[in-house]
């Protein structure tokens, strides 16, 4: 069974940086699509970054230019480098994975999330 485990969350001051990681334990395929989702307090979860099977990345407008997603297929690990964070970046960050990317956020595997608080 595949289990996604996020790490790296915590508290950071506005303008600072934070790096999140997500390891896909039990993933046996050579390639994957992995994505990051953000759920602000009291709001719906939304996709903010994805890395597809070929390594191409896509970002939501709210994080483009500030966040960088990358994936190490050999380690089945997804990263999110968060720079110039803002208070509105506060929330729970979830990792998701599947064989292919879903434009509507339908992924088979999800992590339990990691909290990021920006003050």
C-alpha atoms as a PDB file:
ATOM      1  CA  UNK A   1       0.000   0.000   0.000  1.00  0.00           C
ATOM      2  CA  UNK A   2       1.171   3.541  -0.711  1.00  0.00           C
ATOM      3  CA  UNK A   3       1.524   5.982   2.152  1.00  0.00           C
ATOM      4  CA  UNK A   4       2.443   9.630   1.761  1.00  0.00           C
ATOM      5  CA  UNK A   5       4.235  11.286   4.649  1.00  0.00           C
ATOM      6  CA  UNK A   6       4.721  15.045   4.709  1.00  0.00           C
ATOM      7  CA  UNK A   7       7.280  16.850   6.844  1.00  0.00           C
ATOM      8  CA  UNK A   8       8.856  20.265   7.232  1.00  0.00           C
ATOM      9  CA  UNK A   9       5.895  22.292   8.413  1.00  0.00           C
ATOM     10  CA  UNK A  10       6.134  24.765  11.250  1.00  0.00           C
ATOM     11  CA  UNK A  11       6.004  28.442  12.109  1.00  0.00           C
ATOM     12  CA  UNK A  12       7.775  31.061  10.027  1.00  0.00           C
ATOM     13  CA  UNK A  13       7.753  34.825   9.832  1.00  0.00           C
ATOM     14  CA  UNK A  14       6.354  36.616   6.823  1.00  0.00           C
ATOM     15  CA  UNK A  15       9.022  36.990   4.178  1.00  0.00           C
ATOM     16  CA  UNK A  16      10.843  33.893   5.356  1.00  0.00           C
ATOM     17  CA  UNK A  17      11.330  30.484   3.782  1.00  0.00           C
ATOM     18  CA  UNK A  18      10.321  26.920   4.515  1.00  0.00           C
ATOM     19  CA  UNK A  19      10.813  23.615   2.723  1.00  0.00           C
ATOM     20  CA  UNK A  20       8.234  20.842   2.801  1.00  0.00           C
ATOM     21  CA  UNK A  21       8.922  17.232   1.862  1.00  0.00           C
ATOM     22  CA  UNK A  22       6.658  14.329   1.041  1.00  0.00           C
ATOM     23  CA  UNK A  23       7.830  10.745   0.781  1.00  0.00           C
ATOM     24  CA  UNK A  24       5.688   8.219  -1.069  1.00  0.00           C
ATOM     25  CA  UNK A  25       6.350   5.001   0.824  1.00  0.00           C
ATOM     26  CA  UNK A  26       5.446   1.875  -1.097  1.00  0.00           C
ATOM     27  CA  UNK A  27       5.333   3.556  -4.508  1.00  0.00           C
ATOM     28  CA  UNK A  28       6.669   0.988  -6.964  1.00  0.00           C
ATOM     29  CA  UNK A  29       6.303   2.642 -10.359  1.00  0.00           C
ATOM     30  CA  UNK A  30       9.225   4.479 -11.929  1.00  0.00           C
ATOM     31  CA  UNK A  31       7.212   7.623 -12.588  1.00  0.00           C
ATOM     32  CA  UNK A  32       4.439   9.485 -10.844  1.00  0.00           C
ATOM     33  CA  UNK A  33       2.579  12.712 -10.645  1.00  0.00           C
ATOM     34  CA  UNK A  34       2.820  14.351  -7.251  1.00  0.00           C
ATOM     35  CA  UNK A  35       1.136  17.526  -6.124  1.00  0.00           C
ATOM     36  CA  UNK A  36       0.817  19.939  -3.231  1.00  0.00           C
ATOM     37  CA  UNK A  37      -2.480  21.215  -1.928  1.00  0.00           C
ATOM     38  CA  UNK A  38      -3.103  24.015   0.545  1.00  0.00           C
ATOM     39  CA  UNK A  39      -6.067  24.317   2.886  1.00  0.00           C
ATOM     40  CA  UNK A  40      -6.277  27.700   4.639  1.00  0.00           C
ATOM     41  CA  UNK A  41      -8.173  27.815   7.946  1.00  0.00           C
ATOM     42  CA  UNK A  42     -11.901  27.531   7.320  1.00  0.00           C
ATOM     43  CA  UNK A  43     -11.513  27.203   3.563  1.00  0.00           C
ATOM     44  CA  UNK A  44     -11.478  24.507   0.900  1.00  0.00           C
ATOM     45  CA  UNK A  45      -8.340  22.663  -0.071  1.00  0.00           C
ATOM     46  CA  UNK A  46      -6.831  23.868  -3.360  1.00  0.00           C
ATOM     47  CA  UNK A  47      -4.046  22.641  -5.555  1.00  0.00           C
ATOM     48  CA  UNK A  48      -1.028  24.913  -5.616  1.00  0.00           C
ATOM     49  CA  UNK A  49       1.729  22.954  -7.371  1.00  0.00           C
ATOM     50  CA  UNK A  50       2.218  19.734  -9.283  1.00  0.00           C
ATOM     51  CA  UNK A  51       5.106  17.876 -10.876  1.00  0.00           C
ATOM     52  CA  UNK A  52       4.064  15.524 -13.655  1.00  0.00           C
ATOM     53  CA  UNK A  53       5.579  12.256 -14.845  1.00  0.00           C
ATOM     54  CA  UNK A  54       7.966  14.105 -17.135  1.00  0.00           C
ATOM     55  CA  UNK A  55       9.103  16.509 -14.447  1.00  0.00           C
ATOM     56  CA  UNK A  56       7.149  19.498 -15.702  1.00  0.00           C
ATOM     57  CA  UNK A  57       5.737  21.762 -13.025  1.00  0.00           C
ATOM     58  CA  UNK A  58       2.584  23.826 -12.763  1.00  0.00           C
ATOM     59  CA  UNK A  59       1.586  26.364 -10.139  1.00  0.00           C
ATOM     60  CA  UNK A  60      -1.419  28.246  -8.901  1.00  0.00           C
ATOM     61  CA  UNK A  61      -1.225  31.968  -9.422  1.00  0.00           C
ATOM     62  CA  UNK A  62      -1.123  32.595  -5.689  1.00  0.00           C
ATOM     63  CA  UNK A  63       2.278  30.898  -5.316  1.00  0.00           C
ATOM     64  CA  UNK A  64       3.863  31.281  -8.738  1.00  0.00           C
ATOM     65  CA  UNK A  65       7.234  32.960  -8.461  1.00  0.00           C
ATOM     66  CA  UNK A  66       7.464  32.278  -4.724  1.00  0.00           C
ATOM     67  CA  UNK A  67       7.125  28.500  -4.372  1.00  0.00           C
ATOM     68  CA  UNK A  68       9.088  25.848  -6.253  1.00  0.00           C
ATOM     69  CA  UNK A  69       8.029  22.211  -6.450  1.00  0.00           C
ATOM     70  CA  UNK A  70      10.463  19.475  -7.367  1.00  0.00           C
ATOM     71  CA  UNK A  71      10.418  15.698  -7.374  1.00  0.00           C
ATOM     72  CA  UNK A  72      13.076  13.055  -6.948  1.00  0.00           C
ATOM     73  CA  UNK A  73      11.693   9.947  -8.611  1.00  0.00           C
ATOM     74  CA  UNK A  74      14.513   7.770  -7.318  1.00  0.00           C
ATOM     75  CA  UNK A  75      13.527   8.691  -3.770  1.00  0.00           C
ATOM     76  CA  UNK A  76       9.801   9.036  -4.587  1.00  0.00           C
ATOM     77  CA  UNK A  77       9.971  12.339  -2.766  1.00  0.00           C
ATOM     78  CA  UNK A  78       8.250  15.610  -3.533  1.00  0.00           C
ATOM     79  CA  UNK A  79       9.529  18.924  -2.261  1.00  0.00           C
ATOM     80  CA  UNK A  80       8.045  22.395  -1.935  1.00  0.00           C
ATOM     81  CA  UNK A  81      10.447  25.274  -1.465  1.00  0.00           C
ATOM     82  CA  UNK A  82       8.420  28.143  -0.050  1.00  0.00           C
ATOM     83  CA  UNK A  83      10.026  31.578  -0.303  1.00  0.00           C
ATOM     84  CA  UNK A  84       8.715  35.015   0.649  1.00  0.00           C
ATOM     85  CA  UNK A  85       5.865  33.420   2.569  1.00  0.00           C
ATOM     86  CA  UNK A  86       2.816  35.488   3.442  1.00  0.00           C
ATOM     87  CA  UNK A  87       0.226  35.201   6.233  1.00  0.00           C
ATOM     88  CA  UNK A  88      -2.260  33.890   3.665  1.00  0.00           C
ATOM     89  CA  UNK A  89       0.033  30.908   3.118  1.00  0.00           C
ATOM     90  CA  UNK A  90      -0.984  29.697   6.578  1.00  0.00           C
ATOM     91  CA  UNK A  91      -2.801  26.393   6.605  1.00  0.00           C
ATOM     92  CA  UNK A  92      -2.392  22.682   6.181  1.00  0.00           C
ATOM     93  CA  UNK A  93      -0.334  21.466   3.260  1.00  0.00           C
ATOM     94  CA  UNK A  94      -1.207  18.101   1.766  1.00  0.00           C
ATOM     95  CA  UNK A  95       0.755  15.944  -0.609  1.00  0.00           C
ATOM     96  CA  UNK A  96      -1.044  13.854  -3.236  1.00  0.00           C
ATOM     97  CA  UNK A  97       0.133  11.276  -5.743  1.00  0.00           C
ATOM     98  CA  UNK A  98      -1.138   9.217  -8.637  1.00  0.00           C
ATOM     99  CA  UNK A  99       0.085   7.729 -11.899  1.00  0.00           C
ATOM    100  CA  UNK A 100      -0.965  10.861 -13.792  1.00  0.00           C
ATOM    101  CA  UNK A 101      -1.840  14.373 -12.740  1.00  0.00           C
ATOM    102  CA  UNK A 102      -5.467  15.321 -12.276  1.00  0.00           C
ATOM    103  CA  UNK A 103      -6.572  18.809 -13.332  1.00  0.00           C
ATOM    104  CA  UNK A 104      -9.506  18.543 -10.928  1.00  0.00           C
ATOM    105  CA  UNK A 105      -7.579  17.291  -7.928  1.00  0.00           C
ATOM    106  CA  UNK A 106      -8.623  13.660  -8.043  1.00  0.00           C
ATOM    107  CA  UNK A 107      -5.639  11.777  -6.662  1.00  0.00           C
ATOM    108  CA  UNK A 108      -5.645   8.265  -5.305  1.00  0.00           C
ATOM    109  CA  UNK A 109      -3.139   8.805  -2.528  1.00  0.00           C
ATOM    110  CA  UNK A 110      -3.036  11.594   0.055  1.00  0.00           C
ATOM    111  CA  UNK A 111      -0.896  12.454   3.020  1.00  0.00           C
ATOM    112  CA  UNK A 112      -2.312  13.581   6.353  1.00  0.00           C
ATOM    113  CA  UNK A 113      -0.933  17.074   5.966  1.00  0.00           C
ATOM    114  CA  UNK A 114       1.575  19.308   7.667  1.00  0.00           C
ATOM    115  CA  UNK A 115       0.727  22.644   9.302  1.00  0.00           C
ATOM    116  CA  UNK A 116       2.390  25.860   8.201  1.00  0.00           C
ATOM    117  CA  UNK A 117       1.809  29.045  10.175  1.00  0.00           C
ATOM    118  CA  UNK A 118       3.042  32.391   8.879  1.00  0.00           C
ATOM    119  CA  UNK A 119       3.007  35.349  11.242  1.00  0.00           C
END
